[in-house]
Protein backbone atom coordinates (compact mmCIF):
# COMPACT_ATOMS: atom_id res chain seq x y z
CA MET A 1 -120.01 -43.24 -171.27
CA LYS A 2 -120.19 -40.99 -168.67
CA SER A 3 -123.97 -41.46 -165.93
CA ILE A 4 -125.69 -38.92 -165.84
CA VAL A 5 -127.61 -37.58 -163.12
CA LYS A 6 -131.11 -35.72 -163.57
CA ILE A 7 -132.74 -33.15 -161.03
CA GLN A 8 -135.76 -34.56 -159.23
CA ALA A 9 -138.69 -33.31 -159.39
CA MET A 10 -139.65 -31.10 -156.59
CA GLY A 11 -143.35 -30.33 -156.67
CA LEU A 12 -142.87 -27.05 -155.64
CA GLU A 13 -146.36 -25.89 -155.60
CA LYS A 14 -148.37 -28.45 -153.26
CA LEU A 15 -145.45 -27.65 -150.40
CA ASN A 16 -146.98 -24.36 -147.70
CA ASN A 17 -145.28 -21.30 -147.51
CA ALA A 18 -143.38 -22.35 -144.40
CA GLU A 19 -142.01 -25.47 -146.13
CA PHE A 20 -141.66 -23.44 -149.77
CA ALA A 21 -139.80 -20.59 -148.11
CA ASN A 22 -137.84 -23.39 -146.20
CA PHE A 23 -136.52 -24.91 -149.11
CA MET A 24 -135.66 -21.81 -151.13
CA SER A 25 -133.37 -20.85 -148.23
CA ARG A 26 -132.02 -23.74 -148.47
CA PHE A 27 -131.62 -24.53 -152.50
CA SER A 28 -130.13 -20.87 -152.20
CA ASP A 29 -127.25 -21.58 -149.32
CA LEU A 30 -126.39 -24.62 -152.05
CA VAL A 31 -126.29 -21.79 -155.29
CA ASN A 32 -123.85 -19.70 -152.62
CA THR A 33 -121.38 -22.35 -151.69
CA THR A 34 -120.51 -22.56 -155.77
CA GLY A 35 -119.49 -19.15 -156.21
CA THR A 36 -119.01 -18.35 -160.14
CA LYS A 37 -117.11 -18.21 -162.73
CA GLU A 38 -113.50 -17.41 -163.30
CA GLU A 39 -113.71 -15.83 -166.30
CA ALA A 40 -116.62 -14.58 -166.19
CA PRO A 41 -118.06 -13.16 -162.55
CA GLU A 42 -121.20 -12.25 -163.97
CA THR A 43 -122.46 -16.64 -164.12
CA SER A 44 -122.74 -18.95 -161.52
CA ALA A 45 -120.29 -21.71 -161.40
CA LEU A 46 -123.11 -23.70 -162.73
CA GLY A 47 -124.56 -21.90 -166.11
CA PHE A 48 -126.45 -18.96 -165.00
CA GLU A 49 -126.08 -15.58 -164.75
CA VAL A 50 -125.47 -13.66 -161.51
CA ALA A 51 -128.34 -11.01 -162.15
CA ASP A 52 -131.14 -14.11 -162.21
CA PHE A 53 -130.40 -15.54 -158.87
CA LEU A 54 -130.24 -11.95 -157.51
CA VAL A 55 -133.59 -11.62 -159.11
CA PHE A 56 -134.71 -14.66 -157.14
CA GLU A 57 -133.27 -13.78 -154.16
CA GLU A 58 -134.95 -10.13 -153.98
CA ASP A 59 -138.35 -12.64 -154.09
CA ARG A 60 -136.83 -15.23 -151.49
CA SER A 61 -137.05 -11.87 -149.23
CA THR A 62 -140.27 -10.68 -149.53
CA LEU A 63 -141.87 -14.38 -149.76
CA THR A 64 -139.62 -14.72 -146.00
CA ASP A 65 -141.15 -11.61 -144.66
CA ILE A 66 -144.80 -12.54 -145.64
CA VAL A 67 -144.11 -16.17 -143.58
CA SER A 68 -143.29 -14.13 -140.80
CA ARG A 69 -144.56 -11.06 -140.77
CA SER A 70 -148.04 -10.35 -138.59
CA ARG A 71 -149.68 -7.54 -141.00
CA ILE A 72 -151.73 -4.66 -139.42
CA SER A 73 -154.50 -4.66 -140.95
CA LEU A 74 -157.45 -1.50 -141.72
CA GLN A 75 -159.81 -2.58 -138.47
CA THR A 76 -157.38 -2.48 -136.07
CA GLU A 77 -158.38 0.64 -134.85
CA ASP A 78 -162.18 0.11 -135.22
CA MET A 79 -161.49 -2.83 -133.05
CA GLY A 80 -159.46 -0.63 -130.51
CA SER A 81 -162.10 1.46 -130.16
CA LEU A 82 -164.68 -1.23 -129.72
CA ASP A 83 -162.76 -2.82 -127.25
CA LYS A 84 -162.26 0.32 -124.75
CA GLU A 85 -166.19 0.48 -125.27
CA ARG A 86 -166.91 -3.02 -123.93
CA ASP A 87 -164.54 -2.61 -121.36
CA SER A 88 -166.19 0.35 -120.16
CA TRP A 89 -169.60 -1.31 -120.46
CA VAL A 90 -168.25 -4.21 -118.09
CA LEU A 91 -166.53 -2.30 -115.30
CA PHE A 92 -169.98 0.17 -115.34
CA LEU A 93 -171.95 -3.33 -114.40
CA PHE A 94 -169.43 -4.23 -111.80
CA SER A 95 -169.83 -0.15 -110.62
CA VAL A 96 -173.58 -0.49 -110.49
CA LEU A 97 -173.81 -4.26 -109.04
CA ARG A 98 -170.98 -2.37 -106.07
CA THR A 99 -173.20 -0.12 -105.52
CA GLU A 100 -176.33 -1.30 -105.39
CA LYS A 101 -175.36 -4.33 -102.60
CA GLY A 102 -175.19 -1.46 -100.02
CA SER A 103 -178.92 0.01 -101.32
CA PRO A 104 -181.08 0.60 -98.37
CA ILE A 105 -183.57 -0.66 -100.28
CA ALA A 106 -183.51 -4.75 -99.41
CA THR A 107 -184.90 -6.23 -102.83
CA ARG A 108 -182.31 -4.07 -104.56
CA ARG A 109 -179.00 -5.08 -102.20
CA GLN A 110 -180.52 -8.78 -102.38
CA ALA A 111 -180.71 -8.52 -106.60
CA ALA A 112 -177.53 -6.78 -106.54
CA ASN A 113 -175.45 -9.21 -103.94
CA THR A 114 -176.34 -12.78 -105.93
CA LEU A 115 -175.63 -10.74 -109.52
CA TYR A 116 -172.12 -10.29 -108.34
CA LYS A 117 -172.00 -13.66 -106.91
CA LEU A 118 -172.76 -14.92 -110.06
CA LEU A 119 -171.12 -12.87 -112.76
CA TYR A 120 -167.68 -12.44 -110.21
CA PRO A 121 -165.65 -14.75 -111.74
CA TYR A 122 -165.52 -11.99 -115.11
CA ALA A 123 -164.91 -9.35 -112.88
CA GLN A 124 -161.70 -9.10 -114.51
CA CYS A 125 -162.69 -9.95 -117.92
CA TYR A 126 -161.49 -7.03 -119.08
CA ARG A 127 -157.62 -7.27 -118.62
CA LEU A 128 -157.85 -10.63 -120.31
CA PRO A 129 -156.39 -11.02 -124.23
CA ASN A 130 -158.59 -9.85 -126.40
CA GLN A 131 -159.87 -12.94 -127.38
CA GLN A 132 -160.66 -14.27 -123.96
CA GLU A 133 -162.01 -10.98 -123.45
CA THR A 134 -164.75 -12.02 -125.69
CA ALA A 135 -164.85 -15.17 -124.82
CA GLN A 136 -165.72 -14.31 -120.76
CA ILE A 137 -167.91 -11.50 -122.05
CA ASP A 138 -169.90 -14.43 -124.26
CA GLY A 139 -170.47 -16.07 -120.35
CA LEU A 140 -171.29 -13.38 -118.71
CA LEU A 141 -173.77 -12.22 -120.71
CA LEU A 142 -175.15 -16.10 -121.53
CA ASP A 143 -175.56 -16.00 -116.97
CA MET A 144 -177.67 -12.56 -117.70
CA LYS A 145 -179.09 -13.65 -119.70
CA LYS A 146 -180.56 -16.78 -117.67
CA GLU A 147 -184.56 -16.92 -117.24
CA GLU A 148 -183.98 -17.32 -113.10
CA ASN A 149 -182.15 -14.21 -113.43
CA ALA A 150 -184.60 -12.10 -115.76
CA SER A 151 -186.01 -10.09 -113.13
CA LEU A 152 -182.92 -9.07 -110.86
CA VAL A 153 -181.81 -7.80 -113.64
CA GLU A 154 -184.98 -5.91 -114.61
CA LEU A 155 -185.03 -4.72 -110.76
CA LEU A 156 -181.67 -3.66 -111.04
CA GLY A 157 -182.33 -1.79 -114.73
CA LEU A 158 -179.57 -3.34 -116.11
CA GLU A 159 -181.30 -4.26 -119.81
CA GLU A 160 -179.36 -1.56 -121.39
CA VAL A 161 -176.11 -2.84 -120.17
CA ILE A 162 -176.73 -6.34 -121.01
CA THR A 163 -177.60 -4.82 -124.87
CA GLY A 164 -175.18 -2.62 -124.91
CA LEU A 165 -172.61 -5.35 -124.03
CA GLU A 166 -173.44 -7.81 -125.86
CA GLU A 167 -173.87 -4.70 -128.68
CA THR A 168 -170.02 -4.08 -128.72
CA ASN A 169 -168.47 -7.53 -127.78
CA GLY A 170 -170.70 -9.02 -131.23
CA MET A 171 -169.49 -5.83 -133.55
CA TYR A 172 -165.71 -7.30 -131.83
CA ALA A 173 -166.00 -10.41 -133.06
CA GLU A 174 -167.23 -10.06 -136.40
CA LEU A 175 -164.02 -7.45 -136.76
CA THR A 176 -162.25 -9.63 -135.50
CA GLN A 177 -163.29 -13.15 -137.79
CA GLN A 178 -162.98 -10.92 -140.80
CA ARG A 179 -159.62 -9.40 -139.91
CA THR A 180 -158.33 -12.62 -139.51
CA HIS A 181 -160.32 -13.57 -143.47
CA ASP A 182 -158.19 -10.55 -145.24
CA GLN A 183 -155.44 -11.46 -143.66
CA ALA A 184 -155.30 -14.62 -144.45
CA ALA A 185 -156.26 -13.53 -148.36
CA SER A 186 -154.09 -10.55 -148.98
CA GLN A 187 -151.19 -12.97 -148.00
CA LEU A 188 -152.22 -16.15 -150.35
CA GLU A 189 -152.76 -13.41 -152.69
CA GLU A 190 -149.30 -11.29 -152.60
CA SER A 191 -147.45 -15.32 -152.18
CA LYS A 192 -149.23 -16.49 -154.69
CA VAL A 193 -147.75 -14.27 -157.21
CA VAL A 194 -144.09 -14.33 -155.64
CA ARG A 195 -144.25 -18.03 -154.68
CA ASN A 196 -144.87 -18.41 -159.13
CA ARG A 197 -142.12 -16.33 -159.98
CA MET A 198 -139.61 -18.05 -157.85
CA GLY A 199 -140.91 -21.48 -159.26
CA GLU A 200 -140.16 -20.01 -162.60
CA TYR A 201 -136.48 -18.67 -161.64
CA TYR A 202 -136.41 -22.50 -160.13
CA ASP A 203 -136.52 -23.84 -162.85
CA TYR A 204 -134.66 -21.73 -165.32
CA MET A 205 -131.66 -22.24 -163.24
CA VAL A 206 -131.66 -25.83 -162.42
CA SER A 207 -132.66 -26.65 -165.94
CA VAL A 208 -129.35 -24.38 -167.24
CA THR A 209 -127.47 -26.03 -164.66
CA PHE A 210 -128.30 -29.56 -165.58
CA ALA A 211 -127.71 -28.78 -169.28
CA ASN A 212 -124.35 -27.44 -167.85
CA SER A 213 -124.21 -31.10 -166.48
CA ILE A 214 -124.13 -32.35 -169.90
CA CYS A 215 -122.16 -30.08 -172.08
CA TYR A 216 -119.70 -28.28 -168.96
CA PRO A 217 -119.16 -30.73 -166.53
CA SER A 218 -117.62 -30.02 -163.11
CA GLU A 219 -116.76 -31.19 -159.87
CA ILE A 220 -119.26 -28.27 -158.49
CA ILE A 221 -121.90 -29.32 -160.91
CA ASP A 222 -121.49 -32.37 -160.10
CA THR A 223 -121.40 -31.74 -156.13
CA PHE A 224 -124.53 -29.05 -156.18
CA ILE A 225 -126.78 -31.55 -158.12
CA LYS A 226 -126.30 -34.03 -155.15
CA ASP A 227 -126.59 -32.43 -152.59
CA LEU A 228 -129.85 -30.19 -154.15
CA ASN A 229 -131.22 -34.24 -154.77
CA ALA A 230 -130.67 -34.85 -151.08
CA LEU A 231 -132.49 -31.89 -150.18
CA ILE A 232 -135.67 -32.19 -152.68
CA ASP A 233 -135.59 -36.42 -150.97
CA GLU A 234 -135.59 -34.71 -147.46
CA THR A 235 -137.97 -32.04 -148.29
CA ARG A 236 -141.21 -34.56 -149.95
CA ALA A 237 -139.83 -36.89 -146.40
CA LEU A 238 -141.23 -34.02 -144.08
CA TYR A 239 -144.17 -33.10 -146.33
CA ASN A 240 -145.11 -36.77 -146.25
CA GLN A 241 -144.72 -37.26 -142.58
CA ARG A 242 -146.94 -33.67 -142.58
CA ILE A 243 -149.42 -34.86 -144.47
CA ALA A 244 -149.29 -38.09 -142.65
CA GLN A 245 -150.19 -36.33 -139.55
CA VAL A 246 -152.43 -34.46 -140.79
CA LYS A 247 -154.82 -37.57 -141.87
CA ALA A 248 -154.56 -38.64 -138.70
CA ASN A 249 -155.52 -36.14 -136.47
CA LYS A 250 -158.73 -36.59 -138.58
CA LYS A 251 -159.34 -39.80 -138.36
CA GLU A 252 -158.59 -39.43 -134.31
């Protein structure tokens, strides 16, 4: 009696998108190495139709794009405008302070010098990457709104600057958060549809392959099943390592 080697269940649904895409890419490589039947080139050497595999490949390409691409969201244009606006507020603030440092009025000159020294670390924040700039402006505003600086801000008439910068920076931060949420939701929904369809094709192809391994056994099919099971074992091991690391990090 010939021994039967079954194809192991993978549990594709538990993999994240990157793991899923990597597994399917390597599965595709294994299928491609088997070729087609000489007497029926439209049929894979594993038994399923090449046309089905090509549909699977199209979905695999789409998923790879979902995993790798950086989507441009609808908020980008608004964020660009807000970024320029908050830059203008920062530049205006330091322009006022530099001017007032030379004021002939002693109280204004002293107030400007004190605030300028306090806020100088933030002077170039508008040149920073966007998220760092958001954090730096938050720090600048926090320092300006401290009780000991309130009289200096009032003396120099900077209340409107604080309000404008705070509103603009806050709106930018909100749009950043919304964009991140929208991107994640969009990619999740799109990848879910593609993954489900790929999973169905994968199940179909491995089922046909297993059936052919019994009804029409060949060295090509035997080698494919052995290599696929090895890939499944490796993918499981890497998945378990990732989960174990996540759990370990939570305990720390």
